[in-house]
Amino acid sequence: MKKQLITAVFAILSLSAFAAQPLSEDFESHKLSPKTGDGIYSSVSQWRAHNIQMVQIGVVDNPNKAGINPSSKVLKIDRAVCDTLTDNKWAGRIAFRGARTQSFKIPFTATKCIVEIKILNTVGGQVGVRIYPDMDKTTKDDFKIVTANVPASNDWQVVQFDFSSIVSLMTDYPSFIFEVDKKTTIASQSPELIIYIDDIKLVDKQ
């Protein structure tokens, strides 16, 4: 019983420590993952696959260190094939597949309201960032999602997501979800898709 209590207290303290970080993630503090799974953890942050039946994540060697992203480690998001899901009423939920973290403070202001991410997406498509303004109300209707079209490329691209419309609604610790291949129907998002992300940060709106 004592051991279980110590474990529970440690888990709570760990989550509290994660929640104190500013939004700045380059995945260098994480160990390389021998294979993708449903979560990654370091002393700085923890990330989970959002919809673990459909997504696997892992920290891997940067597949392209040339150009704008010479980092050693990046996050790989692998969205599985979903051919067995034929009912389009699930399309909205399935589109929320990606990687999720609650490890960071995101202190949005009227000027600092852009989430910037480096993305490597060889097939192209619409990706998104979803943020819950209030973590006490994390229902399906209490979030803001911003999407961006990322052209197919073998090179890293810098993509920005503008959250200026919810600055006044933010709490200290919103949930942050990076979502892959935002599409409207199951048919259009059924193939496997792999995307790499890195250098996530909050920047000023120009």
N, C-alpha and C. Protein backbone atom coordinates (compact mmCIF):
# COMPACT_ATOMS: atom_id res chain seq x y z
N MET A 1 0.84 -1.20 0.00
CA MET A 1 0.00 0.00 0.00
C MET A 1 0.87 1.25 0.00
N LYS A 2 1.94 1.23 0.85
CA LYS A 2 2.85 2.37 0.94
C LYS A 2 3.55 2.61 -0.39
N LYS A 3 3.96 1.50 -1.03
CA LYS A 3 4.63 1.60 -2.31
C LYS A 3 3.71 2.21 -3.36
N GLN A 4 2.43 1.81 -3.37
CA GLN A 4 1.47 2.34 -4.33
C GLN A 4 1.25 3.83 -4.12
N LEU A 5 1.21 4.24 -2.83
CA LEU A 5 1.02 5.65 -2.51
C LEU A 5 2.20 6.48 -2.99
N ILE A 6 3.41 5.98 -2.76
CA ILE A 6 4.62 6.69 -3.22
C ILE A 6 4.61 6.82 -4.73
N THR A 7 4.23 5.74 -5.41
CA THR A 7 4.16 5.76 -6.88
C THR A 7 3.17 6.80 -7.37
N ALA A 8 2.00 6.86 -6.73
CA ALA A 8 0.96 7.82 -7.13
C ALA A 8 1.43 9.25 -6.92
N VAL A 9 2.07 9.50 -5.77
CA VAL A 9 2.58 10.85 -5.49
C VAL A 9 3.64 11.24 -6.51
N PHE A 10 4.53 10.31 -6.84
CA PHE A 10 5.57 10.58 -7.83
C PHE A 10 4.97 10.92 -9.18
N ALA A 11 3.92 10.20 -9.57
CA ALA A 11 3.26 10.45 -10.85
C ALA A 11 2.66 11.85 -10.89
N ILE A 12 2.03 12.26 -9.77
CA ILE A 12 1.42 13.59 -9.72
C ILE A 12 2.48 14.66 -9.78
N LEU A 13 3.57 14.47 -9.06
CA LEU A 13 4.67 15.44 -9.08
C LEU A 13 5.29 15.53 -10.46
N SER A 14 5.41 14.39 -11.13
CA SER A 14 5.98 14.37 -12.48
C SER A 14 5.13 15.18 -13.43
N LEU A 15 3.81 14.99 -13.37
CA LEU A 15 2.91 15.73 -14.25
C LEU A 15 2.96 17.22 -13.95
N SER A 16 3.10 17.56 -12.66
CA SER A 16 3.20 18.97 -12.28
C SER A 16 4.45 19.59 -12.86
N ALA A 17 5.54 18.83 -12.83
CA ALA A 17 6.80 19.35 -13.38
C ALA A 17 6.69 19.57 -14.87
N PHE A 18 6.05 18.61 -15.58
CA PHE A 18 5.88 18.76 -17.01
C PHE A 18 5.08 20.01 -17.34
N ALA A 19 4.04 20.28 -16.53
CA ALA A 19 3.12 21.38 -16.82
C ALA A 19 3.75 22.75 -16.63
N ALA A 20 4.98 22.80 -16.12
CA ALA A 20 5.61 24.08 -15.83
C ALA A 20 6.50 24.58 -16.98
N GLN A 21 6.60 23.82 -18.05
CA GLN A 21 7.52 24.18 -19.12
C GLN A 21 6.90 25.18 -20.09
N PRO A 22 7.71 26.12 -20.62
CA PRO A 22 7.22 26.97 -21.71
C PRO A 22 7.13 26.15 -23.00
N LEU A 23 6.38 26.63 -23.96
CA LEU A 23 6.22 25.89 -25.21
C LEU A 23 7.49 26.03 -26.04
N SER A 24 8.35 25.04 -25.92
CA SER A 24 9.59 24.99 -26.70
C SER A 24 10.05 23.56 -26.71
N GLU A 25 9.85 22.87 -27.81
CA GLU A 25 10.13 21.43 -27.87
C GLU A 25 10.97 21.11 -29.10
N ASP A 26 12.14 20.51 -28.85
CA ASP A 26 12.96 20.07 -29.98
C ASP A 26 13.28 18.57 -29.91
N PHE A 27 12.74 17.88 -28.90
CA PHE A 27 12.83 16.43 -28.73
C PHE A 27 14.24 15.93 -28.46
N GLU A 28 15.21 16.84 -28.26
CA GLU A 28 16.58 16.41 -28.01
C GLU A 28 16.71 15.77 -26.63
N SER A 29 15.82 16.08 -25.69
CA SER A 29 15.91 15.50 -24.35
C SER A 29 15.34 14.08 -24.28
N HIS A 30 14.69 13.65 -25.35
CA HIS A 30 14.11 12.31 -25.38
C HIS A 30 15.12 11.28 -25.89
N LYS A 31 14.96 10.06 -25.41
CA LYS A 31 15.76 8.96 -25.95
C LYS A 31 15.20 8.55 -27.29
N LEU A 32 16.07 8.08 -28.17
CA LEU A 32 15.61 7.55 -29.44
C LEU A 32 14.74 6.32 -29.19
N SER A 33 13.66 6.19 -29.94
CA SER A 33 12.75 5.07 -29.78
C SER A 33 13.12 3.98 -30.77
N PRO A 34 13.37 2.75 -30.30
CA PRO A 34 13.69 1.68 -31.24
C PRO A 34 12.53 1.37 -32.17
N LYS A 35 11.32 1.65 -31.71
CA LYS A 35 10.14 1.52 -32.55
C LYS A 35 9.08 2.48 -32.03
N THR A 36 8.10 2.77 -32.87
CA THR A 36 7.05 3.69 -32.46
C THR A 36 6.11 3.02 -31.47
N GLY A 37 5.46 3.84 -30.64
CA GLY A 37 4.54 3.32 -29.63
C GLY A 37 3.47 4.35 -29.33
N ASP A 38 2.88 4.26 -28.12
CA ASP A 38 1.80 5.18 -27.81
C ASP A 38 2.23 6.35 -26.94
N GLY A 39 3.52 6.43 -26.56
CA GLY A 39 3.96 7.55 -25.75
C GLY A 39 5.46 7.68 -25.69
N ILE A 40 5.94 8.91 -25.44
CA ILE A 40 7.36 9.17 -25.22
C ILE A 40 7.48 10.08 -24.00
N TYR A 41 8.60 9.93 -23.26
CA TYR A 41 8.76 10.66 -22.02
C TYR A 41 10.21 11.10 -21.87
N SER A 42 10.40 12.29 -21.30
CA SER A 42 11.73 12.76 -20.93
C SER A 42 11.59 13.58 -19.67
N SER A 43 12.70 14.13 -19.19
CA SER A 43 12.65 14.99 -18.00
C SER A 43 11.98 16.32 -18.31
N VAL A 44 11.81 16.64 -19.58
CA VAL A 44 11.23 17.92 -19.99
C VAL A 44 9.76 17.79 -20.36
N SER A 45 9.39 16.74 -21.04
CA SER A 45 8.02 16.65 -21.54
C SER A 45 7.59 15.21 -21.74
N GLN A 46 6.30 15.05 -21.90
CA GLN A 46 5.75 13.75 -22.29
C GLN A 46 4.74 13.98 -23.41
N TRP A 47 4.73 13.08 -24.36
CA TRP A 47 3.79 13.12 -25.48
C TRP A 47 3.09 11.78 -25.57
N ARG A 48 1.81 11.82 -25.95
CA ARG A 48 1.05 10.60 -26.15
C ARG A 48 0.48 10.58 -27.56
N ALA A 49 0.32 9.40 -28.10
CA ALA A 49 -0.42 9.27 -29.35
C ALA A 49 -1.88 9.60 -29.07
N HIS A 50 -2.46 10.46 -29.88
CA HIS A 50 -3.86 10.82 -29.70
C HIS A 50 -4.68 9.91 -30.61
N ASN A 51 -5.45 9.03 -29.98
CA ASN A 51 -6.13 7.90 -30.63
C ASN A 51 -5.10 6.81 -30.91
N ILE A 52 -4.74 6.07 -29.86
CA ILE A 52 -3.65 5.11 -29.95
C ILE A 52 -3.97 3.93 -30.86
N GLN A 53 -5.26 3.72 -31.17
CA GLN A 53 -5.59 2.66 -32.11
C GLN A 53 -5.17 3.03 -33.53
N MET A 54 -5.01 4.32 -33.77
CA MET A 54 -4.74 4.79 -35.12
C MET A 54 -3.35 5.40 -35.29
N VAL A 55 -2.69 5.75 -34.21
CA VAL A 55 -1.43 6.49 -34.31
C VAL A 55 -0.36 5.87 -33.43
N GLN A 56 0.85 5.83 -33.95
CA GLN A 56 2.02 5.47 -33.17
C GLN A 56 3.02 6.62 -33.29
N ILE A 57 3.72 6.92 -32.19
CA ILE A 57 4.70 8.00 -32.22
C ILE A 57 6.02 7.50 -31.65
N GLY A 58 7.10 8.17 -32.02
CA GLY A 58 8.41 7.83 -31.48
C GLY A 58 9.43 8.89 -31.85
N VAL A 59 10.49 8.99 -31.06
CA VAL A 59 11.58 9.91 -31.37
C VAL A 59 12.62 9.16 -32.18
N VAL A 60 12.97 9.72 -33.33
CA VAL A 60 13.85 9.04 -34.28
C VAL A 60 14.96 9.99 -34.73
N ASP A 61 15.96 9.43 -35.38
CA ASP A 61 16.99 10.25 -36.01
C ASP A 61 16.34 11.11 -37.09
N ASN A 62 16.77 12.35 -37.17
CA ASN A 62 16.28 13.26 -38.19
C ASN A 62 16.58 12.68 -39.58
N PRO A 63 15.56 12.41 -40.40
CA PRO A 63 15.80 11.80 -41.72
C PRO A 63 16.39 12.77 -42.74
N ASN A 64 16.43 14.06 -42.41
CA ASN A 64 16.99 15.05 -43.34
C ASN A 64 17.60 16.20 -42.53
N LYS A 65 18.90 16.13 -42.28
CA LYS A 65 19.58 17.14 -41.47
C LYS A 65 20.10 18.31 -42.31
N ALA A 66 19.82 18.27 -43.58
CA ALA A 66 20.22 19.38 -44.45
C ALA A 66 19.20 20.51 -44.34
N GLY A 67 19.55 21.67 -44.84
CA GLY A 67 18.59 22.76 -44.90
C GLY A 67 18.32 23.38 -43.55
N ILE A 68 17.04 23.63 -43.25
CA ILE A 68 16.66 24.45 -42.10
C ILE A 68 16.60 23.67 -40.79
N ASN A 69 16.76 22.35 -40.82
CA ASN A 69 16.64 21.60 -39.57
C ASN A 69 17.76 20.57 -39.40
N PRO A 70 18.89 21.01 -38.81
CA PRO A 70 20.01 20.08 -38.58
C PRO A 70 19.88 19.30 -37.26
N SER A 71 18.74 19.37 -36.60
CA SER A 71 18.56 18.68 -35.31
C SER A 71 18.86 17.19 -35.41
N SER A 72 19.29 16.61 -34.30
CA SER A 72 19.59 15.18 -34.26
C SER A 72 18.34 14.33 -34.15
N LYS A 73 17.36 14.80 -33.33
CA LYS A 73 16.18 14.00 -33.04
C LYS A 73 14.90 14.74 -33.41
N VAL A 74 13.91 14.00 -33.89
CA VAL A 74 12.61 14.58 -34.24
C VAL A 74 11.51 13.60 -33.83
N LEU A 75 10.28 14.08 -33.81
CA LEU A 75 9.15 13.22 -33.48
C LEU A 75 8.54 12.66 -34.76
N LYS A 76 8.42 11.35 -34.82
CA LYS A 76 7.77 10.67 -35.94
C LYS A 76 6.34 10.33 -35.55
N ILE A 77 5.39 10.72 -36.39
CA ILE A 77 3.98 10.40 -36.16
C ILE A 77 3.52 9.50 -37.31
N ASP A 78 3.12 8.30 -36.97
CA ASP A 78 2.74 7.29 -37.97
C ASP A 78 1.25 6.98 -37.82
N ARG A 79 0.47 7.47 -38.78
CA ARG A 79 -0.97 7.22 -38.76
C ARG A 79 -1.26 5.94 -39.54
N ALA A 80 -1.96 5.03 -38.90
CA ALA A 80 -2.20 3.72 -39.49
C ALA A 80 -3.27 3.76 -40.58
N VAL A 81 -3.28 2.73 -41.39
CA VAL A 81 -4.35 2.53 -42.37
C VAL A 81 -5.67 2.33 -41.62
N CYS A 82 -6.75 2.89 -42.13
CA CYS A 82 -8.04 2.71 -41.45
C CYS A 82 -9.12 2.25 -42.42
N ASP A 83 -8.79 1.31 -43.27
CA ASP A 83 -9.74 0.81 -44.27
C ASP A 83 -10.96 0.14 -43.64
N THR A 84 -10.83 -0.36 -42.42
CA THR A 84 -11.97 -1.07 -41.82
C THR A 84 -13.02 -0.11 -41.28
N LEU A 85 -12.69 1.18 -41.20
CA LEU A 85 -13.65 2.16 -40.69
C LEU A 85 -14.37 2.79 -41.88
N THR A 86 -15.53 2.26 -42.19
CA THR A 86 -16.21 2.67 -43.41
C THR A 86 -17.34 3.67 -43.19
N ASP A 87 -17.69 3.90 -41.93
CA ASP A 87 -18.81 4.79 -41.65
C ASP A 87 -18.31 6.22 -41.53
N ASN A 88 -18.70 7.08 -42.45
CA ASN A 88 -18.18 8.45 -42.48
C ASN A 88 -18.61 9.30 -41.30
N LYS A 89 -19.55 8.84 -40.49
CA LYS A 89 -19.92 9.64 -39.31
C LYS A 89 -18.75 9.74 -38.34
N TRP A 90 -17.74 8.85 -38.49
CA TRP A 90 -16.56 8.89 -37.64
C TRP A 90 -15.44 9.77 -38.21
N ALA A 91 -15.67 10.35 -39.35
CA ALA A 91 -14.59 11.07 -40.03
C ALA A 91 -13.99 12.17 -39.17
N GLY A 92 -14.84 12.94 -38.48
CA GLY A 92 -14.33 14.03 -37.65
C GLY A 92 -13.42 13.54 -36.55
N ARG A 93 -13.78 12.44 -35.90
CA ARG A 93 -12.95 11.92 -34.83
C ARG A 93 -11.65 11.34 -35.35
N ILE A 94 -11.75 10.60 -36.44
CA ILE A 94 -10.55 9.99 -37.00
C ILE A 94 -9.56 11.05 -37.45
N ALA A 95 -10.07 12.20 -37.90
CA ALA A 95 -9.19 13.28 -38.32
C ALA A 95 -8.39 13.85 -37.17
N PHE A 96 -8.79 13.53 -35.93
CA PHE A 96 -8.06 14.04 -34.79
C PHE A 96 -6.89 13.14 -34.40
N ARG A 97 -6.45 12.31 -35.29
CA ARG A 97 -5.29 11.48 -34.99
C ARG A 97 -4.01 12.31 -35.02
N GLY A 98 -3.15 12.10 -34.05
CA GLY A 98 -1.91 12.86 -34.03
C GLY A 98 -1.13 12.61 -32.76
N ALA A 99 -0.45 13.65 -32.25
CA ALA A 99 0.34 13.56 -31.03
C ALA A 99 -0.11 14.63 -30.06
N ARG A 100 -0.24 14.26 -28.79
CA ARG A 100 -0.84 15.15 -27.79
C ARG A 100 0.10 15.34 -26.60
N THR A 101 0.14 16.56 -26.07
CA THR A 101 0.90 16.82 -24.86
C THR A 101 0.18 17.85 -23.99
N GLN A 102 0.37 17.73 -22.69
CA GLN A 102 -0.07 18.75 -21.74
C GLN A 102 1.13 19.23 -20.92
N SER A 103 2.32 19.11 -21.49
CA SER A 103 3.55 19.38 -20.76
C SER A 103 3.96 20.84 -20.74
N PHE A 104 3.26 21.70 -21.46
CA PHE A 104 3.75 23.05 -21.65
C PHE A 104 2.73 24.12 -21.27
N LYS A 105 3.23 25.22 -20.74
CA LYS A 105 2.44 26.43 -20.66
C LYS A 105 2.43 27.07 -22.04
N ILE A 106 1.31 27.64 -22.42
CA ILE A 106 1.25 28.36 -23.69
C ILE A 106 0.68 29.75 -23.39
N PRO A 107 1.53 30.69 -22.97
CA PRO A 107 1.06 32.01 -22.53
C PRO A 107 0.76 32.93 -23.70
N PHE A 108 -0.34 32.64 -24.38
CA PHE A 108 -0.72 33.46 -25.52
C PHE A 108 -0.97 34.92 -25.11
N THR A 109 -0.56 35.83 -25.97
CA THR A 109 -0.92 37.25 -25.84
C THR A 109 -1.40 37.72 -27.20
N ALA A 110 -1.83 38.96 -27.27
CA ALA A 110 -2.32 39.49 -28.55
C ALA A 110 -1.24 39.48 -29.63
N THR A 111 0.02 39.57 -29.21
CA THR A 111 1.11 39.57 -30.20
C THR A 111 1.81 38.23 -30.28
N LYS A 112 1.93 37.52 -29.17
CA LYS A 112 2.58 36.20 -29.18
C LYS A 112 1.50 35.14 -29.21
N CYS A 113 1.08 34.79 -30.41
CA CYS A 113 -0.07 33.89 -30.55
C CYS A 113 0.09 32.93 -31.73
N ILE A 114 1.32 32.79 -32.21
CA ILE A 114 1.58 31.91 -33.34
C ILE A 114 2.34 30.68 -32.87
N VAL A 115 1.79 29.49 -33.10
CA VAL A 115 2.52 28.25 -32.85
C VAL A 115 3.26 27.90 -34.14
N GLU A 116 4.58 27.83 -34.03
CA GLU A 116 5.42 27.55 -35.20
C GLU A 116 6.03 26.16 -35.06
N ILE A 117 5.98 25.39 -36.13
CA ILE A 117 6.47 24.01 -36.11
C ILE A 117 7.22 23.73 -37.41
N LYS A 118 8.33 23.01 -37.30
CA LYS A 118 8.99 22.49 -38.49
C LYS A 118 8.38 21.13 -38.81
N ILE A 119 8.00 20.95 -40.07
CA ILE A 119 7.28 19.74 -40.49
C ILE A 119 7.95 19.14 -41.72
N LEU A 120 8.11 17.83 -41.70
CA LEU A 120 8.59 17.10 -42.87
C LEU A 120 7.47 16.16 -43.31
N ASN A 121 6.88 16.44 -44.47
CA ASN A 121 5.73 15.70 -44.96
C ASN A 121 5.93 15.44 -46.45
N THR A 122 6.32 14.22 -46.78
CA THR A 122 6.70 13.92 -48.16
C THR A 122 5.50 13.73 -49.08
N VAL A 123 4.30 13.53 -48.51
CA VAL A 123 3.13 13.31 -49.36
C VAL A 123 2.25 14.55 -49.46
N GLY A 124 2.44 15.50 -48.57
CA GLY A 124 1.62 16.72 -48.61
C GLY A 124 0.25 16.49 -48.01
N GLY A 125 -0.41 17.58 -47.65
CA GLY A 125 -1.76 17.49 -47.10
C GLY A 125 -2.01 18.55 -46.06
N GLN A 126 -3.21 18.55 -45.53
CA GLN A 126 -3.62 19.54 -44.54
C GLN A 126 -3.36 18.98 -43.14
N VAL A 127 -2.57 19.70 -42.35
CA VAL A 127 -2.32 19.29 -40.97
C VAL A 127 -2.89 20.35 -40.04
N GLY A 128 -2.97 20.03 -38.76
CA GLY A 128 -3.60 20.97 -37.85
C GLY A 128 -2.98 20.95 -36.47
N VAL A 129 -3.25 22.02 -35.73
CA VAL A 129 -2.95 22.08 -34.31
C VAL A 129 -4.26 22.37 -33.59
N ARG A 130 -4.54 21.59 -32.58
CA ARG A 130 -5.76 21.78 -31.79
C ARG A 130 -5.36 22.15 -30.37
N ILE A 131 -5.98 23.16 -29.83
CA ILE A 131 -5.69 23.61 -28.47
C ILE A 131 -7.00 23.79 -27.72
N TYR A 132 -7.05 23.25 -26.50
CA TYR A 132 -8.18 23.46 -25.61
C TYR A 132 -7.90 24.70 -24.76
N PRO A 133 -8.69 25.76 -24.89
CA PRO A 133 -8.44 26.95 -24.08
C PRO A 133 -8.56 26.70 -22.58
N ASP A 134 -9.42 25.78 -22.17
CA ASP A 134 -9.66 25.54 -20.76
C ASP A 134 -9.61 24.04 -20.50
N MET A 135 -8.59 23.58 -19.80
CA MET A 135 -8.43 22.16 -19.58
C MET A 135 -9.50 21.55 -18.68
N ASP A 136 -10.31 22.39 -18.02
CA ASP A 136 -11.42 21.88 -17.21
C ASP A 136 -12.63 21.55 -18.07
N LYS A 137 -12.56 21.92 -19.35
CA LYS A 137 -13.70 21.71 -20.24
C LYS A 137 -13.25 21.07 -21.54
N THR A 138 -12.55 19.95 -21.43
CA THR A 138 -12.00 19.31 -22.62
C THR A 138 -13.02 18.40 -23.29
N THR A 139 -14.14 18.97 -23.69
CA THR A 139 -15.12 18.23 -24.47
C THR A 139 -14.84 18.49 -25.95
N LYS A 140 -15.51 17.76 -26.80
CA LYS A 140 -15.21 17.88 -28.23
C LYS A 140 -15.52 19.26 -28.79
N ASP A 141 -16.33 20.04 -28.09
CA ASP A 141 -16.70 21.35 -28.61
C ASP A 141 -15.88 22.50 -28.02
N ASP A 142 -15.00 22.19 -27.08
CA ASP A 142 -14.28 23.25 -26.37
C ASP A 142 -12.83 23.35 -26.81
N PHE A 143 -12.61 23.40 -28.10
CA PHE A 143 -11.25 23.54 -28.59
C PHE A 143 -11.23 24.45 -29.81
N LYS A 144 -10.05 24.88 -30.16
CA LYS A 144 -9.83 25.66 -31.38
C LYS A 144 -8.81 24.92 -32.21
N ILE A 145 -9.13 24.68 -33.47
CA ILE A 145 -8.16 24.03 -34.35
C ILE A 145 -7.82 24.97 -35.50
N VAL A 146 -6.53 25.06 -35.78
CA VAL A 146 -6.04 25.83 -36.91
C VAL A 146 -5.32 24.87 -37.84
N THR A 147 -5.65 24.91 -39.10
CA THR A 147 -5.05 24.00 -40.07
C THR A 147 -4.19 24.75 -41.07
N ALA A 148 -3.32 24.00 -41.74
CA ALA A 148 -2.45 24.58 -42.76
C ALA A 148 -2.16 23.52 -43.81
N ASN A 149 -2.13 23.91 -45.05
CA ASN A 149 -1.75 23.00 -46.13
C ASN A 149 -0.23 22.96 -46.23
N VAL A 150 0.31 21.76 -46.13
CA VAL A 150 1.76 21.57 -46.20
C VAL A 150 2.07 20.85 -47.51
N PRO A 151 2.71 21.54 -48.46
CA PRO A 151 3.02 20.90 -49.75
C PRO A 151 3.93 19.69 -49.57
N ALA A 152 3.78 18.72 -50.45
CA ALA A 152 4.66 17.55 -50.42
C ALA A 152 6.10 17.99 -50.67
N SER A 153 7.00 17.52 -49.82
CA SER A 153 8.40 17.90 -49.96
C SER A 153 9.28 16.95 -49.18
N ASN A 154 10.48 16.71 -49.67
CA ASN A 154 11.47 15.93 -48.93
C ASN A 154 12.28 16.82 -47.99
N ASP A 155 11.97 18.11 -47.98
CA ASP A 155 12.67 19.07 -47.13
C ASP A 155 11.78 19.50 -45.98
N TRP A 156 12.40 19.94 -44.89
CA TRP A 156 11.67 20.51 -43.77
C TRP A 156 11.05 21.84 -44.17
N GLN A 157 9.87 22.10 -43.64
CA GLN A 157 9.20 23.38 -43.87
C GLN A 157 8.78 23.98 -42.53
N VAL A 158 8.82 25.30 -42.44
CA VAL A 158 8.32 25.99 -41.26
C VAL A 158 6.86 26.33 -41.49
N VAL A 159 5.98 25.87 -40.59
CA VAL A 159 4.54 26.08 -40.73
C VAL A 159 4.05 26.81 -39.48
N GLN A 160 3.21 27.82 -39.67
CA GLN A 160 2.69 28.60 -38.56
C GLN A 160 1.18 28.45 -38.42
N PHE A 161 0.73 28.43 -37.16
CA PHE A 161 -0.68 28.28 -36.83
C PHE A 161 -1.07 29.46 -35.93
N ASP A 162 -2.03 30.27 -36.38
CA ASP A 162 -2.39 31.52 -35.73
C ASP A 162 -3.57 31.31 -34.77
N PHE A 163 -3.33 31.52 -33.46
CA PHE A 163 -4.36 31.34 -32.44
C PHE A 163 -4.78 32.66 -31.81
N SER A 164 -4.66 33.75 -32.55
CA SER A 164 -5.01 35.05 -31.99
C SER A 164 -6.48 35.15 -31.60
N SER A 165 -7.34 34.35 -32.22
CA SER A 165 -8.78 34.44 -31.93
C SER A 165 -9.16 33.88 -30.57
N ILE A 166 -8.26 33.13 -29.90
CA ILE A 166 -8.63 32.58 -28.59
C ILE A 166 -7.73 33.08 -27.47
N VAL A 167 -6.98 34.13 -27.72
CA VAL A 167 -6.07 34.66 -26.70
C VAL A 167 -6.80 34.96 -25.40
N SER A 168 -7.97 35.56 -25.47
CA SER A 168 -8.70 35.96 -24.26
C SER A 168 -9.29 34.78 -23.51
N LEU A 169 -9.30 33.60 -24.11
CA LEU A 169 -9.93 32.43 -23.49
C LEU A 169 -8.93 31.50 -22.82
N MET A 170 -7.64 31.75 -22.99
CA MET A 170 -6.65 30.78 -22.59
C MET A 170 -6.48 30.66 -21.08
N THR A 171 -6.22 29.42 -20.63
CA THR A 171 -5.78 29.17 -19.27
C THR A 171 -4.29 28.87 -19.31
N ASP A 172 -3.69 28.61 -18.16
CA ASP A 172 -2.25 28.43 -18.11
C ASP A 172 -1.77 27.15 -18.79
N TYR A 173 -2.56 26.09 -18.70
CA TYR A 173 -2.07 24.80 -19.16
C TYR A 173 -3.01 24.15 -20.17
N PRO A 174 -3.11 24.69 -21.35
CA PRO A 174 -3.99 24.08 -22.34
C PRO A 174 -3.39 22.79 -22.88
N SER A 175 -4.23 21.92 -23.38
CA SER A 175 -3.76 20.72 -24.06
C SER A 175 -3.42 21.07 -25.50
N PHE A 176 -2.34 20.51 -25.98
CA PHE A 176 -1.84 20.81 -27.32
C PHE A 176 -1.85 19.51 -28.12
N ILE A 177 -2.49 19.51 -29.27
CA ILE A 177 -2.53 18.31 -30.12
C ILE A 177 -2.11 18.67 -31.54
N PHE A 178 -1.08 18.00 -32.04
CA PHE A 178 -0.71 18.14 -33.44
C PHE A 178 -1.43 17.04 -34.21
N GLU A 179 -2.15 17.42 -35.25
CA GLU A 179 -2.99 16.47 -35.97
C GLU A 179 -2.53 16.29 -37.41
N VAL A 180 -2.56 15.07 -37.87
CA VAL A 180 -2.08 14.78 -39.22
C VAL A 180 -3.23 14.65 -40.20
N ASP A 181 -3.01 15.13 -41.40
CA ASP A 181 -3.89 14.91 -42.55
C ASP A 181 -5.37 15.15 -42.24
N LYS A 182 -5.72 16.41 -42.03
CA LYS A 182 -7.10 16.77 -41.74
C LYS A 182 -7.93 16.66 -43.03
N LYS A 183 -8.81 15.69 -43.07
CA LYS A 183 -9.66 15.47 -44.24
C LYS A 183 -11.11 15.33 -43.78
N THR A 184 -12.02 15.36 -44.73
CA THR A 184 -13.44 15.37 -44.38
C THR A 184 -14.09 13.99 -44.39
N THR A 185 -13.48 13.01 -45.02
CA THR A 185 -14.10 11.69 -45.08
C THR A 185 -13.09 10.60 -44.75
N ILE A 186 -13.62 9.47 -44.32
CA ILE A 186 -12.76 8.32 -44.03
C ILE A 186 -12.00 7.91 -45.28
N ALA A 187 -12.67 7.88 -46.41
CA ALA A 187 -12.03 7.41 -47.64
C ALA A 187 -10.80 8.21 -47.99
N SER A 188 -10.86 9.52 -47.75
CA SER A 188 -9.74 10.36 -48.15
C SER A 188 -8.59 10.35 -47.16
N GLN A 189 -8.77 9.72 -46.00
CA GLN A 189 -7.68 9.69 -45.03
C GLN A 189 -7.38 8.27 -44.56
N SER A 190 -7.72 7.28 -45.38
CA SER A 190 -7.51 5.90 -44.97
C SER A 190 -6.09 5.39 -45.14
N PRO A 191 -5.26 5.91 -46.08
CA PRO A 191 -3.92 5.35 -46.21
C PRO A 191 -3.02 5.67 -45.03
N GLU A 192 -1.99 4.84 -44.83
CA GLU A 192 -0.99 5.15 -43.82
C GLU A 192 -0.30 6.47 -44.18
N LEU A 193 0.06 7.23 -43.16
CA LEU A 193 0.73 8.52 -43.37
C LEU A 193 1.77 8.72 -42.29
N ILE A 194 2.98 9.09 -42.70
CA ILE A 194 4.06 9.38 -41.75
C ILE A 194 4.47 10.84 -41.90
N ILE A 195 4.48 11.55 -40.77
CA ILE A 195 4.91 12.94 -40.73
C ILE A 195 5.92 13.10 -39.60
N TYR A 196 6.91 13.94 -39.82
CA TYR A 196 7.90 14.26 -38.79
C TYR A 196 7.70 15.72 -38.36
N ILE A 197 7.82 15.99 -37.04
CA ILE A 197 7.73 17.36 -36.57
C ILE A 197 8.88 17.66 -35.61
N ASP A 198 9.20 18.96 -35.49
CA ASP A 198 10.32 19.36 -34.65
C ASP A 198 10.20 20.86 -34.35
N ASP A 199 11.00 21.31 -33.40
CA ASP A 199 11.14 22.75 -33.08
C ASP A 199 9.78 23.46 -32.95
N ILE A 200 8.98 22.99 -32.01
CA ILE A 200 7.67 23.60 -31.74
C ILE A 200 7.86 24.77 -30.78
N LYS A 201 7.37 25.92 -31.13
CA LYS A 201 7.54 27.07 -30.24
C LYS A 201 6.45 28.11 -30.47
N LEU A 202 6.34 29.02 -29.52
CA LEU A 202 5.39 30.13 -29.60
C LEU A 202 6.15 31.36 -30.05
N VAL A 203 5.67 32.02 -31.11
CA VAL A 203 6.37 33.19 -31.65
C VAL A 203 5.42 34.36 -31.80
N ASP A 204 5.98 35.53 -32.06
CA ASP A 204 5.19 36.74 -32.23
C ASP A 204 4.50 36.80 -33.59
N LYS A 205 3.31 37.35 -33.58
CA LYS A 205 2.61 37.58 -34.83
C LYS A 205 3.21 38.82 -35.52
N GLN A 206 3.52 38.67 -36.80
CA GLN A 206 4.15 39.77 -37.54
C GLN A 206 3.12 40.74 -38.06
